[in-house]
Amino acid sequence: MECDGVADPSARTGVRVPEVEPLLFSVGFVGTQFYEYKRAVKMAEWEYGLHSAPDALFVRWTAGADPLVNELWMKGLLLWGGGLVVFIVLCVFLLVIGTAGAPAPSK
């Protein structure tokens, strides 16, 4: 697990880590670290005998929001592009299946 800019003294920007649907998280395109943070909290609770709030707010620290915005932009483009490719392949497949049993046009 990465701690982003925690050790960077110039890190003055905190960006909330959102909780997303597990299905989207498992695909890997929606790269939230929420569940990694939650697991790290559970490990720290067990290791050091700590207690945390059940609805804790997780934050990624960085020197600026631009790298995080760029990361989310790229992941969004990848998700959109992947969906577009699946849509086109599905349309071509349905077109081929739909015309496979059709009689040839007569002259």
PDB file of N, CA and C in Angstrom:
ATOM      1  N   MET A   1       0.836  -1.178   0.000  1.00  0.00           N
ATOM      2  CA  MET A   1       0.000   0.000   0.000  1.00  0.00           C
ATOM      3  C   MET A   1       0.879   1.239   0.000  1.00  0.00           C
ATOM      4  N   GLU A   2       0.521   2.202  -0.804  1.00  0.00           N
ATOM      5  CA  GLU A   2       1.249   3.467  -0.858  1.00  0.00           C
ATOM      6  C   GLU A   2       0.609   4.471   0.093  1.00  0.00           C
ATOM      7  N   CYS A   3       1.429   5.319   0.630  1.00  0.00           N
ATOM      8  CA  CYS A   3       0.910   6.362   1.515  1.00  0.00           C
ATOM      9  C   CYS A   3       0.922   7.722   0.840  1.00  0.00           C
ATOM     10  N   ASP A   4       1.028   7.751  -0.475  1.00  0.00           N
ATOM     11  CA  ASP A   4       1.030   8.988  -1.249  1.00  0.00           C
ATOM     12  C   ASP A   4       2.050   9.970  -0.690  1.00  0.00           C
ATOM     13  N   GLY A   5       1.618  11.188  -0.390  1.00  0.00           N
ATOM     14  CA  GLY A   5       2.545  12.238   0.026  1.00  0.00           C
ATOM     15  C   GLY A   5       2.625  12.447   1.514  1.00  0.00           C
ATOM     16  N   VAL A   6       2.385  11.436   2.314  1.00  0.00           N
ATOM     17  CA  VAL A   6       2.401  11.609   3.764  1.00  0.00           C
ATOM     18  C   VAL A   6       3.774  12.077   4.246  1.00  0.00           C
ATOM     19  N   ALA A   7       4.835  11.557   3.678  1.00  0.00           N
ATOM     20  CA  ALA A   7       6.182  11.931   4.103  1.00  0.00           C
ATOM     21  C   ALA A   7       6.672  13.213   3.436  1.00  0.00           C
ATOM     22  N   ASP A   8       5.909  13.751   2.506  1.00  0.00           N
ATOM     23  CA  ASP A   8       6.294  14.965   1.775  1.00  0.00           C
ATOM     24  C   ASP A   8       5.858  16.189   2.573  1.00  0.00           C
ATOM     25  N   PRO A   9       6.824  17.018   3.034  1.00  0.00           N
ATOM     26  CA  PRO A   9       6.443  18.196   3.831  1.00  0.00           C
ATOM     27  C   PRO A   9       5.662  19.238   3.026  1.00  0.00           C
ATOM     28  N   SER A  10       5.739  19.179   1.696  1.00  0.00           N
ATOM     29  CA  SER A  10       4.992  20.145   0.887  1.00  0.00           C
ATOM     30  C   SER A  10       3.567  19.667   0.590  1.00  0.00           C
ATOM     31  N   ALA A  11       3.214  18.483   1.061  1.00  0.00           N
ATOM     32  CA  ALA A  11       1.867  17.957   0.829  1.00  0.00           C
ATOM     33  C   ALA A  11       0.868  18.734   1.679  1.00  0.00           C
ATOM     34  N   ARG A  12       0.038  19.501   1.008  1.00  0.00           N
ATOM     35  CA  ARG A  12      -0.942  20.335   1.706  1.00  0.00           C
ATOM     36  C   ARG A  12      -2.351  20.131   1.183  1.00  0.00           C
ATOM     37  N   THR A  13      -2.517  19.150   0.298  1.00  0.00           N
ATOM     38  CA  THR A  13      -3.827  18.890  -0.290  1.00  0.00           C
ATOM     39  C   THR A  13      -4.302  17.506   0.129  1.00  0.00           C
ATOM     40  N   GLY A  14      -5.498  17.434   0.634  1.00  0.00           N
ATOM     41  CA  GLY A  14      -6.102  16.158   0.983  1.00  0.00           C
ATOM     42  C   GLY A  14      -7.287  15.901   0.065  1.00  0.00           C
ATOM     43  N   VAL A  15      -7.305  14.729  -0.549  1.00  0.00           N
ATOM     44  CA  VAL A  15      -8.395  14.346  -1.428  1.00  0.00           C
ATOM     45  C   VAL A  15      -9.070  13.129  -0.820  1.00  0.00           C
ATOM     46  N   ARG A  16     -10.358  13.236  -0.600  1.00  0.00           N
ATOM     47  CA  ARG A  16     -11.127  12.154   0.027  1.00  0.00           C
ATOM     48  C   ARG A  16     -11.083  10.901  -0.841  1.00  0.00           C
ATOM     49  N   VAL A  17     -10.882   9.756  -0.212  1.00  0.00           N
ATOM     50  CA  VAL A  17     -10.902   8.466  -0.904  1.00  0.00           C
ATOM     51  C   VAL A  17     -12.329   7.941  -0.830  1.00  0.00           C
ATOM     52  N   PRO A  18     -13.028   7.890  -1.968  1.00  0.00           N
ATOM     53  CA  PRO A  18     -14.429   7.464  -1.928  1.00  0.00           C
ATOM     54  C   PRO A  18     -14.568   5.947  -1.856  1.00  0.00           C
ATOM     55  N   GLU A  19     -15.672   5.517  -1.286  1.00  0.00           N
ATOM     56  CA  GLU A  19     -16.018   4.097  -1.306  1.00  0.00           C
ATOM     57  C   GLU A  19     -16.822   3.872  -2.582  1.00  0.00           C
ATOM     58  N   VAL A  20     -16.443   2.871  -3.364  1.00  0.00           N
ATOM     59  CA  VAL A  20     -17.143   2.578  -4.610  1.00  0.00           C
ATOM     60  C   VAL A  20     -17.743   1.186  -4.535  1.00  0.00           C
ATOM     61  N   GLU A  21     -18.584   0.895  -5.507  1.00  0.00           N
ATOM     62  CA  GLU A  21     -19.191  -0.423  -5.572  1.00  0.00           C
ATOM     63  C   GLU A  21     -18.104  -1.481  -5.723  1.00  0.00           C
ATOM     64  N   PRO A  22     -18.190  -2.602  -4.989  1.00  0.00           N
ATOM     65  CA  PRO A  22     -17.161  -3.634  -5.079  1.00  0.00           C
ATOM     66  C   PRO A  22     -16.961  -4.184  -6.494  1.00  0.00           C
ATOM     67  N   LEU A  23     -18.022  -4.250  -7.299  1.00  0.00           N
ATOM     68  CA  LEU A  23     -17.882  -4.768  -8.658  1.00  0.00           C
ATOM     69  C   LEU A  23     -16.970  -3.868  -9.476  1.00  0.00           C
ATOM     70  N   LEU A  24     -17.184  -2.564  -9.415  1.00  0.00           N
ATOM     71  CA  LEU A  24     -16.336  -1.629 -10.150  1.00  0.00           C
ATOM     72  C   LEU A  24     -14.905  -1.656  -9.633  1.00  0.00           C
ATOM     73  N   PHE A  25     -14.752  -1.822  -8.319  1.00  0.00           N
ATOM     74  CA  PHE A  25     -13.412  -1.865  -7.739  1.00  0.00           C
ATOM     75  C   PHE A  25     -12.667  -3.102  -8.204  1.00  0.00           C
ATOM     76  N   SER A  26     -13.369  -4.243  -8.287  1.00  0.00           N
ATOM     77  CA  SER A  26     -12.709  -5.488  -8.663  1.00  0.00           C
ATOM     78  C   SER A  26     -12.281  -5.493 -10.115  1.00  0.00           C
ATOM     79  N   VAL A  27     -12.941  -4.703 -10.963  1.00  0.00           N
ATOM     80  CA  VAL A  27     -12.555  -4.624 -12.368  1.00  0.00           C
ATOM     81  C   VAL A  27     -11.183  -3.973 -12.482  1.00  0.00           C
ATOM     82  N   GLY A  28     -10.874  -3.071 -11.593  1.00  0.00           N
ATOM     83  CA  GLY A  28      -9.565  -2.445 -11.600  1.00  0.00           C
ATOM     84  C   GLY A  28      -9.521  -1.088 -12.277  1.00  0.00           C
ATOM     85  N   PHE A  29     -10.577  -0.710 -12.978  1.00  0.00           N
ATOM     86  CA  PHE A  29     -10.575   0.579 -13.657  1.00  0.00           C
ATOM     87  C   PHE A  29     -10.860   1.709 -12.686  1.00  0.00           C
ATOM     88  N   VAL A  30     -11.727   1.463 -11.738  1.00  0.00           N
ATOM     89  CA  VAL A  30     -12.059   2.488 -10.756  1.00  0.00           C
ATOM     90  C   VAL A  30     -11.122   2.264  -9.575  1.00  0.00           C
ATOM     91  N   GLY A  31     -10.025   2.986  -9.569  1.00  0.00           N
ATOM     92  CA  GLY A  31      -8.938   2.686  -8.648  1.00  0.00           C
ATOM     93  C   GLY A  31      -9.040   3.370  -7.320  1.00  0.00           C
ATOM     94  N   THR A  32     -10.013   3.061  -6.544  1.00  0.00           N
ATOM     95  CA  THR A  32     -10.064   3.612  -5.204  1.00  0.00           C
ATOM     96  C   THR A  32      -9.209   2.753  -4.289  1.00  0.00           C
ATOM     97  N   GLN A  33      -8.697   3.374  -3.268  1.00  0.00           N
ATOM     98  CA  GLN A  33      -7.890   2.658  -2.286  1.00  0.00           C
ATOM     99  C   GLN A  33      -8.653   2.511  -0.981  1.00  0.00           C
ATOM    100  N   PHE A  34      -9.951   2.719  -1.024  1.00  0.00           N
ATOM    101  CA  PHE A  34     -10.766   2.703   0.187  1.00  0.00           C
ATOM    102  C   PHE A  34     -10.615   1.391   0.952  1.00  0.00           C
ATOM    103  N   TYR A  35     -10.746   0.278   0.241  1.00  0.00           N
ATOM    104  CA  TYR A  35     -10.706  -1.018   0.916  1.00  0.00           C
ATOM    105  C   TYR A  35      -9.299  -1.357   1.401  1.00  0.00           C
ATOM    106  N   GLU A  36      -8.267  -0.859   0.723  1.00  0.00           N
ATOM    107  CA  GLU A  36      -6.901  -1.037   1.208  1.00  0.00           C
ATOM    108  C   GLU A  36      -6.695  -0.236   2.499  1.00  0.00           C
ATOM    109  N   TYR A  37      -7.212   0.976   2.531  1.00  0.00           N
ATOM    110  CA  TYR A  37      -7.104   1.804   3.734  1.00  0.00           C
ATOM    111  C   TYR A  37      -7.851   1.149   4.893  1.00  0.00           C
ATOM    112  N   LYS A  38      -9.031   0.642   4.603  1.00  0.00           N
ATOM    113  CA  LYS A  38      -9.843   0.001   5.647  1.00  0.00           C
ATOM    114  C   LYS A  38      -9.113  -1.222   6.209  1.00  0.00           C
ATOM    115  N   ARG A  39      -8.479  -1.995   5.301  1.00  0.00           N
ATOM    116  CA  ARG A  39      -7.718  -3.171   5.737  1.00  0.00           C
ATOM    117  C   ARG A  39      -6.518  -2.738   6.584  1.00  0.00           C
ATOM    118  N   ALA A  40      -5.848  -1.646   6.194  1.00  0.00           N
ATOM    119  CA  ALA A  40      -4.706  -1.152   6.962  1.00  0.00           C
ATOM    120  C   ALA A  40      -5.143  -0.708   8.356  1.00  0.00           C
ATOM    121  N   VAL A  41      -6.312  -0.092   8.445  1.00  0.00           N
ATOM    122  CA  VAL A  41      -6.838   0.314   9.753  1.00  0.00           C
ATOM    123  C   VAL A  41      -7.094  -0.914  10.623  1.00  0.00           C
ATOM    124  N   LYS A  42      -7.700  -1.943  10.031  1.00  0.00           N
ATOM    125  CA  LYS A  42      -7.966  -3.178  10.796  1.00  0.00           C
ATOM    126  C   LYS A  42      -6.666  -3.815  11.272  1.00  0.00           C
ATOM    127  N   MET A  43      -5.637  -3.797  10.421  1.00  0.00           N
ATOM    128  CA  MET A  43      -4.350  -4.360  10.812  1.00  0.00           C
ATOM    129  C   MET A  43      -3.734  -3.560  11.954  1.00  0.00           C
ATOM    130  N   ALA A  44      -3.820  -2.222  11.883  1.00  0.00           N
ATOM    131  CA  ALA A  44      -3.275  -1.378  12.943  1.00  0.00           C
ATOM    132  C   ALA A  44      -4.054  -1.565  14.245  1.00  0.00           C
ATOM    133  N   GLU A  45      -5.364  -1.717  14.138  1.00  0.00           N
ATOM    134  CA  GLU A  45      -6.182  -1.962  15.339  1.00  0.00           C
ATOM    135  C   GLU A  45      -5.740  -3.255  16.019  1.00  0.00           C
ATOM    136  N   TRP A  46      -5.539  -4.288  15.219  1.00  0.00           N
ATOM    137  CA  TRP A  46      -5.155  -5.584  15.774  1.00  0.00           C
ATOM    138  C   TRP A  46      -3.743  -5.538  16.337  1.00  0.00           C
ATOM    139  N   GLU A  47      -2.823  -4.936  15.591  1.00  0.00           N
ATOM    140  CA  GLU A  47      -1.406  -4.913  15.978  1.00  0.00           C
ATOM    141  C   GLU A  47      -1.150  -4.082  17.227  1.00  0.00           C
ATOM    142  N   TYR A  48      -1.796  -2.915  17.315  1.00  0.00           N
ATOM    143  CA  TYR A  48      -1.493  -1.987  18.400  1.00  0.00           C
ATOM    144  C   TYR A  48      -2.623  -1.815  19.414  1.00  0.00           C
ATOM    145  N   GLY A  49      -3.694  -2.585  19.262  1.00  0.00           N
ATOM    146  CA  GLY A  49      -4.795  -2.497  20.209  1.00  0.00           C
ATOM    147  C   GLY A  49      -5.567  -1.186  20.114  1.00  0.00           C
ATOM    148  N   LEU A  50      -5.649  -0.632  18.930  1.00  0.00           N
ATOM    149  CA  LEU A  50      -6.342   0.640  18.713  1.00  0.00           C
ATOM    150  C   LEU A  50      -7.815   0.421  18.401  1.00  0.00           C
ATOM    151  N   HIS A  51      -8.580   1.500  18.462  1.00  0.00           N
ATOM    152  CA  HIS A  51      -9.979   1.492  18.054  1.00  0.00           C
ATOM    153  C   HIS A  51     -10.190   2.673  17.111  1.00  0.00           C
ATOM    154  N   SER A  52     -10.969   2.463  16.064  1.00  0.00           N
ATOM    155  CA  SER A  52     -11.226   3.545  15.118  1.00  0.00           C
ATOM    156  C   SER A  52     -12.724   3.722  14.922  1.00  0.00           C
ATOM    157  N   ALA A  53     -13.075   4.835  14.336  1.00  0.00           N
ATOM    158  CA  ALA A  53     -14.476   5.118  14.042  1.00  0.00           C
ATOM    159  C   ALA A  53     -14.950   4.187  12.927  1.00  0.00           C
ATOM    160  N   PRO A  54     -16.169   3.659  13.017  1.00  0.00           N
ATOM    161  CA  PRO A  54     -16.660   2.751  11.974  1.00  0.00           C
ATOM    162  C   PRO A  54     -16.867   3.437  10.627  1.00  0.00           C
ATOM    163  N   ASP A  55     -17.079   4.737  10.641  1.00  0.00           N
ATOM    164  CA  ASP A  55     -17.306   5.467   9.385  1.00  0.00           C
ATOM    165  C   ASP A  55     -16.200   6.494   9.161  1.00  0.00           C
ATOM    166  N   ALA A  56     -14.960   6.039   9.301  1.00  0.00           N
ATOM    167  CA  ALA A  56     -13.800   6.924   9.163  1.00  0.00           C
ATOM    168  C   ALA A  56     -13.715   7.486   7.753  1.00  0.00           C
ATOM    169  N   LEU A  57     -13.199   8.689   7.644  1.00  0.00           N
ATOM    170  CA  LEU A  57     -12.989   9.353   6.370  1.00  0.00           C
ATOM    171  C   LEU A  57     -11.517   9.189   5.999  1.00  0.00           C
ATOM    172  N   PHE A  58     -11.257   8.593   4.835  1.00  0.00           N
ATOM    173  CA  PHE A  58      -9.892   8.371   4.388  1.00  0.00           C
ATOM    174  C   PHE A  58      -9.494   9.446   3.386  1.00  0.00           C
ATOM    175  N   VAL A  59      -8.236   9.915   3.501  1.00  0.00           N
ATOM    176  CA  VAL A  59      -7.750  11.028   2.691  1.00  0.00           C
ATOM    177  C   VAL A  59      -6.393  10.657   2.100  1.00  0.00           C
ATOM    178  N   ARG A  60      -6.220  10.993   0.822  1.00  0.00           N
ATOM    179  CA  ARG A  60      -4.913  10.857   0.174  1.00  0.00           C
ATOM    180  C   ARG A  60      -4.239  12.221   0.216  1.00  0.00           C
ATOM    181  N   TRP A  61      -3.030  12.273   0.785  1.00  0.00           N
ATOM    182  CA  TRP A  61      -2.299  13.531   0.876  1.00  0.00           C
ATOM    183  C   TRP A  61      -1.387  13.673  -0.325  1.00  0.00           C
ATOM    184  N   THR A  62      -1.338  14.873  -0.878  1.00  0.00           N
ATOM    185  CA  THR A  62      -0.501  15.146  -2.038  1.00  0.00           C
ATOM    186  C   THR A  62      -0.094  16.612  -2.045  1.00  0.00           C
ATOM    187  N   ALA A  63       0.950  16.913  -2.801  1.00  0.00           N
ATOM    188  CA  ALA A  63       1.406  18.305  -2.911  1.00  0.00           C
ATOM    189  C   ALA A  63       0.419  19.142  -3.715  1.00  0.00           C
ATOM    190  N   GLY A  64      -0.392  18.504  -4.535  1.00  0.00           N
ATOM    191  CA  GLY A  64      -1.403  19.198  -5.327  1.00  0.00           C
ATOM    192  C   GLY A  64      -2.407  18.197  -5.860  1.00  0.00           C
ATOM    193  N   ALA A  65      -3.563  18.661  -6.236  1.00  0.00           N
ATOM    194  CA  ALA A  65      -4.616  17.764  -6.701  1.00  0.00           C
ATOM    195  C   ALA A  65      -4.433  17.348  -8.159  1.00  0.00           C
ATOM    196  N   ASP A  66      -3.572  18.034  -8.898  1.00  0.00           N
ATOM    197  CA  ASP A  66      -3.419  17.741 -10.326  1.00  0.00           C
ATOM    198  C   ASP A  66      -3.046  16.295 -10.631  1.00  0.00           C
ATOM    199  N   PRO A  67      -2.070  15.686  -9.951  1.00  0.00           N
ATOM    200  CA  PRO A  67      -1.757  14.283 -10.266  1.00  0.00           C
ATOM    201  C   PRO A  67      -2.938  13.345 -10.029  1.00  0.00           C
ATOM    202  N   LEU A  68      -3.706  13.600  -8.991  1.00  0.00           N
ATOM    203  CA  LEU A  68      -4.860  12.741  -8.709  1.00  0.00           C
ATOM    204  C   LEU A  68      -5.962  12.946  -9.743  1.00  0.00           C
ATOM    205  N   VAL A  69      -6.168  14.192 -10.148  1.00  0.00           N
ATOM    206  CA  VAL A  69      -7.161  14.475 -11.177  1.00  0.00           C
ATOM    207  C   VAL A  69      -6.756  13.811 -12.489  1.00  0.00           C
ATOM    208  N   ASN A  70      -5.473  13.890 -12.841  1.00  0.00           N
ATOM    209  CA  ASN A  70      -4.990  13.250 -14.059  1.00  0.00           C
ATOM    210  C   ASN A  70      -5.152  11.736 -14.003  1.00  0.00           C
ATOM    211  N   GLU A  71      -4.894  11.148 -12.840  1.00  0.00           N
ATOM    212  CA  GLU A  71      -5.062   9.696 -12.669  1.00  0.00           C
ATOM    213  C   GLU A  71      -6.524   9.296 -12.881  1.00  0.00           C
ATOM    214  N   LEU A  72      -7.424  10.032 -12.276  1.00  0.00           N
ATOM    215  CA  LEU A  72      -8.847   9.724 -12.437  1.00  0.00           C
ATOM    216  C   LEU A  72      -9.306   9.948 -13.879  1.00  0.00           C
ATOM    217  N   TRP A  73      -8.791  10.975 -14.529  1.00  0.00           N
ATOM    218  CA  TRP A  73      -9.128  11.253 -15.927  1.00  0.00           C
ATOM    219  C   TRP A  73      -8.703  10.078 -16.808  1.00  0.00           C
ATOM    220  N   MET A  74      -7.479   9.587 -16.612  1.00  0.00           N
ATOM    221  CA  MET A  74      -6.986   8.468 -17.417  1.00  0.00           C
ATOM    222  C   MET A  74      -7.795   7.202 -17.162  1.00  0.00           C
ATOM    223  N   LYS A  75      -8.126   6.935 -15.919  1.00  0.00           N
ATOM    224  CA  LYS A  75      -8.927   5.746 -15.609  1.00  0.00           C
ATOM    225  C   LYS A  75     -10.321   5.867 -16.197  1.00  0.00           C
ATOM    226  N   GLY A  76     -10.876   7.073 -16.196  1.00  0.00           N
ATOM    227  CA  GLY A  76     -12.179   7.288 -16.820  1.00  0.00           C
ATOM    228  C   GLY A  76     -12.129   7.072 -18.323  1.00  0.00           C
ATOM    229  N   LEU A  77     -11.066   7.571 -18.951  1.00  0.00           N
ATOM    230  CA  LEU A  77     -10.903   7.351 -20.395  1.00  0.00           C
ATOM    231  C   LEU A  77     -10.742   5.872 -20.720  1.00  0.00           C
ATOM    232  N   LEU A  78      -9.978   5.149 -19.905  1.00  0.00           N
ATOM    233  CA  LEU A  78      -9.812   3.713 -20.124  1.00  0.00           C
ATOM    234  C   LEU A  78     -11.140   2.977 -19.976  1.00  0.00           C
ATOM    235  N   LEU A  79     -11.915   3.340 -18.976  1.00  0.00           N
ATOM    236  CA  LEU A  79     -13.216   2.706 -18.775  1.00  0.00           C
ATOM    237  C   LEU A  79     -14.144   3.015 -19.943  1.00  0.00           C
ATOM    238  N   TRP A  80     -14.171   4.259 -20.382  1.00  0.00           N
ATOM    239  CA  TRP A  80     -15.001   4.659 -21.517  1.00  0.00           C
ATOM    240  C   TRP A  80     -14.553   3.940 -22.788  1.00  0.00           C
ATOM    241  N   GLY A  81     -13.241   3.905 -23.044  1.00  0.00           N
ATOM    242  CA  GLY A  81     -12.713   3.243 -24.231  1.00  0.00           C
ATOM    243  C   GLY A  81     -12.987   1.753 -24.218  1.00  0.00           C
ATOM    244  N   GLY A  82     -12.836   1.125 -23.066  1.00  0.00           N
ATOM    245  CA  GLY A  82     -13.142  -0.307 -22.950  1.00  0.00           C
ATOM    246  C   GLY A  82     -14.608  -0.575 -23.216  1.00  0.00           C
ATOM    247  N   GLY A  83     -15.475   0.275 -22.700  1.00  0.00           N
ATOM    248  CA  GLY A  83     -16.910   0.121 -22.951  1.00  0.00           C
ATOM    249  C   GLY A  83     -17.251   0.305 -24.415  1.00  0.00           C
ATOM    250  N   LEU A  84     -16.579   1.248 -25.069  1.00  0.00           N
ATOM    251  CA  LEU A  84     -16.803   1.481 -26.490  1.00  0.00           C
ATOM    252  C   LEU A  84     -16.372   0.274 -27.319  1.00  0.00           C
ATOM    253  N   VAL A  85     -15.232  -0.303 -26.987  1.00  0.00           N
ATOM    254  CA  VAL A  85     -14.761  -1.495 -27.710  1.00  0.00           C
ATOM    255  C   VAL A  85     -15.733  -2.652 -27.524  1.00  0.00           C
ATOM    256  N   VAL A  86     -16.197  -2.870 -26.302  1.00  0.00           N
ATOM    257  CA  VAL A  86     -17.164  -3.943 -26.045  1.00  0.00           C
ATOM    258  C   VAL A  86     -18.449  -3.692 -26.824  1.00  0.00           C
ATOM    259  N   PHE A  87     -18.914  -2.452 -26.866  1.00  0.00           N
ATOM    260  CA  PHE A  87     -20.129  -2.106 -27.602  1.00  0.00           C
ATOM    261  C   PHE A  87     -19.969  -2.398 -29.091  1.00  0.00           C
ATOM    262  N   ILE A  88     -18.844  -1.993 -29.678  1.00  0.00           N
ATOM    263  CA  ILE A  88     -18.618  -2.212 -31.109  1.00  0.00           C
ATOM    264  C   ILE A  88     -18.523  -3.698 -31.420  1.00  0.00           C
ATOM    265  N   VAL A  89     -17.791  -4.442 -30.614  1.00  0.00           N
ATOM    266  CA  VAL A  89     -17.674  -5.892 -30.831  1.00  0.00           C
ATOM    267  C   VAL A  89     -19.043  -6.548 -30.712  1.00  0.00           C
ATOM    268  N   LEU A  90     -19.830  -6.163 -29.736  1.00  0.00           N
ATOM    269  CA  LEU A  90     -21.168  -6.722 -29.565  1.00  0.00           C
ATOM    270  C   LEU A  90     -22.064  -6.388 -30.757  1.00  0.00           C
ATOM    271  N   CYS A  91     -21.994  -5.163 -31.255  1.00  0.00           N
ATOM    272  CA  CYS A  91     -22.798  -4.777 -32.419  1.00  0.00           C
ATOM    273  C   CYS A  91     -22.404  -5.586 -33.653  1.00  0.00           C
ATOM    274  N   VAL A  92     -21.118  -5.746 -33.895  1.00  0.00           N
ATOM    275  CA  VAL A  92     -20.657  -6.538 -35.041  1.00  0.00           C
ATOM    276  C   VAL A  92     -21.090  -7.989 -34.883  1.00  0.00           C
ATOM    277  N   PHE A  93     -20.965  -8.528 -33.692  1.00  0.00           N
ATOM    278  CA  PHE A  93     -21.383  -9.907 -33.429  1.00  0.00           C
ATOM    279  C   PHE A  93     -22.874 -10.086 -33.699  1.00  0.00           C
ATOM    280  N   LEU A  94     -23.676  -9.169 -33.204  1.00  0.00           N
ATOM    281  CA  LEU A  94     -25.120  -9.263 -33.424  1.00  0.00           C
ATOM    282  C   LEU A  94     -25.471  -9.076 -34.897  1.00  0.00           C
ATOM    283  N   LEU A  95     -24.745  -8.242 -35.595  1.00  0.00           N
ATOM    284  CA  LEU A  95     -24.965  -8.050 -37.028  1.00  0.00           C
ATOM    285  C   LEU A  95     -24.651  -9.333 -37.792  1.00  0.00           C
ATOM    286  N   VAL A  96     -23.548  -9.973 -37.453  1.00  0.00           N
ATOM    287  CA  VAL A  96     -23.167 -11.229 -38.112  1.00  0.00           C
ATOM    288  C   VAL A  96     -24.174 -12.325 -37.796  1.00  0.00           C
ATOM    289  N   ILE A  97     -24.568 -12.436 -36.556  1.00  0.00           N
ATOM    290  CA  ILE A  97     -25.552 -13.461 -36.157  1.00  0.00           C
ATOM    291  C   ILE A  97     -26.901 -13.190 -36.814  1.00  0.00           C
ATOM    292  N   GLY A  98     -27.289 -11.920 -36.879  1.00  0.00           N
ATOM    293  CA  GLY A  98     -28.586 -11.570 -37.458  1.00  0.00           C
ATOM    294  C   GLY A  98     -28.666 -11.809 -38.949  1.00  0.00           C
ATOM    295  N   THR A  99     -27.561 -11.703 -39.640  1.00  0.00           N
ATOM    296  CA  THR A  99     -27.578 -11.890 -41.101  1.00  0.00           C
ATOM    297  C   THR A  99     -27.102 -13.270 -41.514  1.00  0.00           C
ATOM    298  N   ALA A 100     -26.695 -14.111 -40.577  1.00  0.00           N
ATOM    299  CA  ALA A 100     -26.175 -15.434 -40.932  1.00  0.00           C
ATOM    300  C   ALA A 100     -27.239 -16.340 -41.537  1.00  0.00           C
ATOM    301  N   GLY A 101     -28.457 -16.292 -41.050  1.00  0.00           N
ATOM    302  CA  GLY A 101     -29.505 -17.169 -41.557  1.00  0.00           C
ATOM    303  C   GLY A 101     -30.374 -16.540 -42.626  1.00  0.00           C
ATOM    304  N   ALA A 102     -30.094 -15.306 -42.970  1.00  0.00           N
ATOM    305  CA  ALA A 102     -30.900 -14.602 -43.958  1.00  0.00           C
ATOM    306  C   ALA A 102     -30.579 -15.119 -45.366  1.00  0.00           C
ATOM    307  N   PRO A 103     -31.588 -15.248 -46.205  1.00  0.00           N
ATOM    308  CA  PRO A 103     -31.346 -15.697 -47.580  1.00  0.00           C
ATOM    309  C   PRO A 103     -30.572 -14.636 -48.361  1.00  0.00           C
ATOM    310  N   ALA A 104     -29.795 -15.099 -49.318  1.00  0.00           N
ATOM    311  CA  ALA A 104     -29.025 -14.181 -50.160  1.00  0.00           C
ATOM    312  C   ALA A 104     -29.982 -13.397 -51.041  1.00  0.00           C
ATOM    313  N   PRO A 105     -29.682 -12.120 -51.299  1.00  0.00           N
ATOM    314  CA  PRO A 105     -30.578 -11.323 -52.153  1.00  0.00           C
ATOM    315  C   PRO A 105     -30.585 -11.883 -53.575  1.00  0.00           C
ATOM    316  N   SER A 106     -31.750 -11.948 -54.151  1.00  0.00           N
ATOM    317  CA  SER A 106     -31.869 -12.456 -55.522  1.00  0.00           C
ATOM    318  C   SER A 106     -31.642 -11.333 -56.525  1.00  0.00           C
ATOM    319  N   LYS A 107     -31.133 -11.723 -57.697  1.00  0.00           N
ATOM    320  CA  LYS A 107     -30.822 -10.729 -58.736  1.00  0.00           C
ATOM    321  C   LYS A 107     -31.933 -10.575 -59.714  1.00  0.00           C
TER     322      LYS A 107
END
